[in-house]
């Protein structure tokens, strides 16, 4: 399973589409096996869902995301978790794997 977490300054960023970089993290048997930091292509509607699908992402943990983006990720077979707190990606993934990830409101207002 591969997780994608949008980052700013090494932690989850509230605005998914304008993040500086993504952490792509491979998980096997509930253990983090590999972490790669990648720079996304320029933000344009519909670009990130295809790009993250091509990167092999299965799950995105985000602070906020527009509804159209959520639909595009769903169509690409990528699960979206919205409303995650601003934390380091490994912390978020460990909480997700342990069913202890607390989510709140979608931090994106469009």
Protein backbone atom coordinates (compact mmCIF):
# COMPACT_ATOMS: atom_id res chain seq x y z
CA UNK A 1 0.00 0.00 0.00
CA UNK A 2 1.32 3.43 -0.89
CA UNK A 3 0.29 6.61 0.93
CA UNK A 4 0.59 10.15 -0.43
CA UNK A 5 0.73 13.08 2.00
CA UNK A 6 0.93 16.70 0.73
CA UNK A 7 3.63 18.58 2.61
CA UNK A 8 4.80 22.06 3.51
CA UNK A 9 7.86 22.32 5.74
CA UNK A 10 7.87 18.56 6.35
CA UNK A 11 4.30 18.36 7.68
CA UNK A 12 0.85 17.94 6.17
CA UNK A 13 -0.33 21.10 4.48
CA UNK A 14 -3.92 22.27 4.76
CA UNK A 15 -4.28 23.11 1.06
CA UNK A 16 -3.75 19.98 -0.99
CA UNK A 17 -3.51 21.49 -4.46
CA UNK A 18 -0.78 23.98 -3.66
CA UNK A 19 1.61 21.83 -1.67
CA UNK A 20 5.39 22.16 -2.10
CA UNK A 21 6.00 18.42 -2.16
CA UNK A 22 4.49 15.02 -1.43
CA UNK A 23 5.70 12.26 0.82
CA UNK A 24 5.10 8.93 -0.89
CA UNK A 25 5.32 6.21 1.74
CA UNK A 26 5.19 2.47 1.15
CA UNK A 27 3.62 0.32 3.86
CA UNK A 28 3.90 -3.46 4.04
CA UNK A 29 2.32 -5.53 6.81
CA UNK A 30 1.51 -2.32 8.75
CA UNK A 31 5.16 -1.19 8.73
CA UNK A 32 6.57 1.83 6.91
CA UNK A 33 9.14 0.46 4.45
CA UNK A 34 10.10 3.38 2.24
CA UNK A 35 9.63 7.16 2.09
CA UNK A 36 10.24 9.31 -0.94
CA UNK A 37 9.78 13.07 -1.20
CA UNK A 38 8.64 14.15 -4.67
CA UNK A 39 7.85 17.50 -6.27
CA UNK A 40 4.40 17.57 -7.91
CA UNK A 41 3.72 18.98 -11.36
CA UNK A 42 2.27 22.51 -11.53
CA UNK A 43 -1.24 22.68 -10.09
CA UNK A 44 -3.96 22.49 -12.71
CA UNK A 45 -7.39 20.89 -12.34
CA UNK A 46 -7.18 17.13 -12.84
CA UNK A 47 -3.37 16.88 -12.99
CA UNK A 48 -2.65 15.61 -9.45
CA UNK A 49 -5.09 12.66 -9.50
CA UNK A 50 -3.48 11.23 -12.65
CA UNK A 51 0.04 12.01 -11.43
CA UNK A 52 -0.48 10.38 -8.01
CA UNK A 53 -2.15 7.37 -9.66
CA UNK A 54 0.93 7.05 -11.88
CA UNK A 55 3.09 7.23 -8.73
CA UNK A 56 1.19 4.21 -7.37
CA UNK A 57 -0.68 5.98 -4.57
CA UNK A 58 -3.49 3.98 -2.91
CA UNK A 59 -4.42 6.40 -0.11
CA UNK A 60 -4.11 10.17 0.26
CA UNK A 61 -4.15 11.75 3.69
CA UNK A 62 -5.03 15.43 3.35
CA UNK A 63 -6.09 18.39 5.43
CA UNK A 64 -8.46 19.71 2.82
CA UNK A 65 -9.44 19.12 -0.77
CA UNK A 66 -12.11 20.35 -3.16
CA UNK A 67 -14.99 18.01 -3.92
CA UNK A 68 -14.08 17.71 -7.61
CA UNK A 69 -10.59 16.52 -6.66
CA UNK A 70 -12.10 13.94 -4.29
CA UNK A 71 -14.27 12.67 -7.16
CA UNK A 72 -11.28 12.43 -9.51
CA UNK A 73 -9.26 10.48 -6.96
CA UNK A 74 -12.21 8.17 -6.39
CA UNK A 75 -12.42 7.54 -10.14
CA UNK A 76 -8.68 6.74 -10.11
CA UNK A 77 -9.22 4.18 -7.32
CA UNK A 78 -7.40 6.25 -4.69
CA UNK A 79 -8.94 6.52 -1.20
CA UNK A 80 -8.98 10.05 0.23
CA UNK A 81 -8.85 10.85 3.95
CA UNK A 82 -9.77 14.50 4.58
CA UNK A 83 -9.50 16.64 7.69
CA UNK A 84 -6.24 15.19 8.99
CA UNK A 85 -4.22 17.28 11.46
CA UNK A 86 -0.95 19.03 10.60
CA UNK A 87 1.58 16.35 11.55
CA UNK A 88 4.57 14.57 10.06
CA UNK A 89 3.51 12.01 7.43
CA UNK A 90 4.85 9.01 9.35
CA UNK A 91 2.78 10.00 12.39
CA UNK A 92 -0.37 10.31 10.28
CA UNK A 93 0.18 6.95 8.63
CA UNK A 94 0.86 5.18 11.93
CA UNK A 95 -2.38 6.59 13.32
CA UNK A 96 -4.24 5.51 10.17
CA UNK A 97 -2.87 1.98 10.40
CA UNK A 98 -3.79 1.79 14.09
CA UNK A 99 -7.31 3.17 13.43
CA UNK A 100 -6.51 6.14 15.67
CA UNK A 101 -6.32 8.90 13.04
CA UNK A 102 -8.60 11.72 14.15
CA UNK A 103 -10.02 13.80 11.33
CA UNK A 104 -11.98 17.01 11.45
CA UNK A 105 -13.44 19.40 8.92
CA UNK A 106 -12.28 19.63 5.34
CA UNK A 107 -9.74 22.45 5.60
CA UNK A 108 -10.29 23.47 1.98
CA UNK A 109 -13.22 25.81 1.36
CA UNK A 110 -13.89 25.16 -2.33
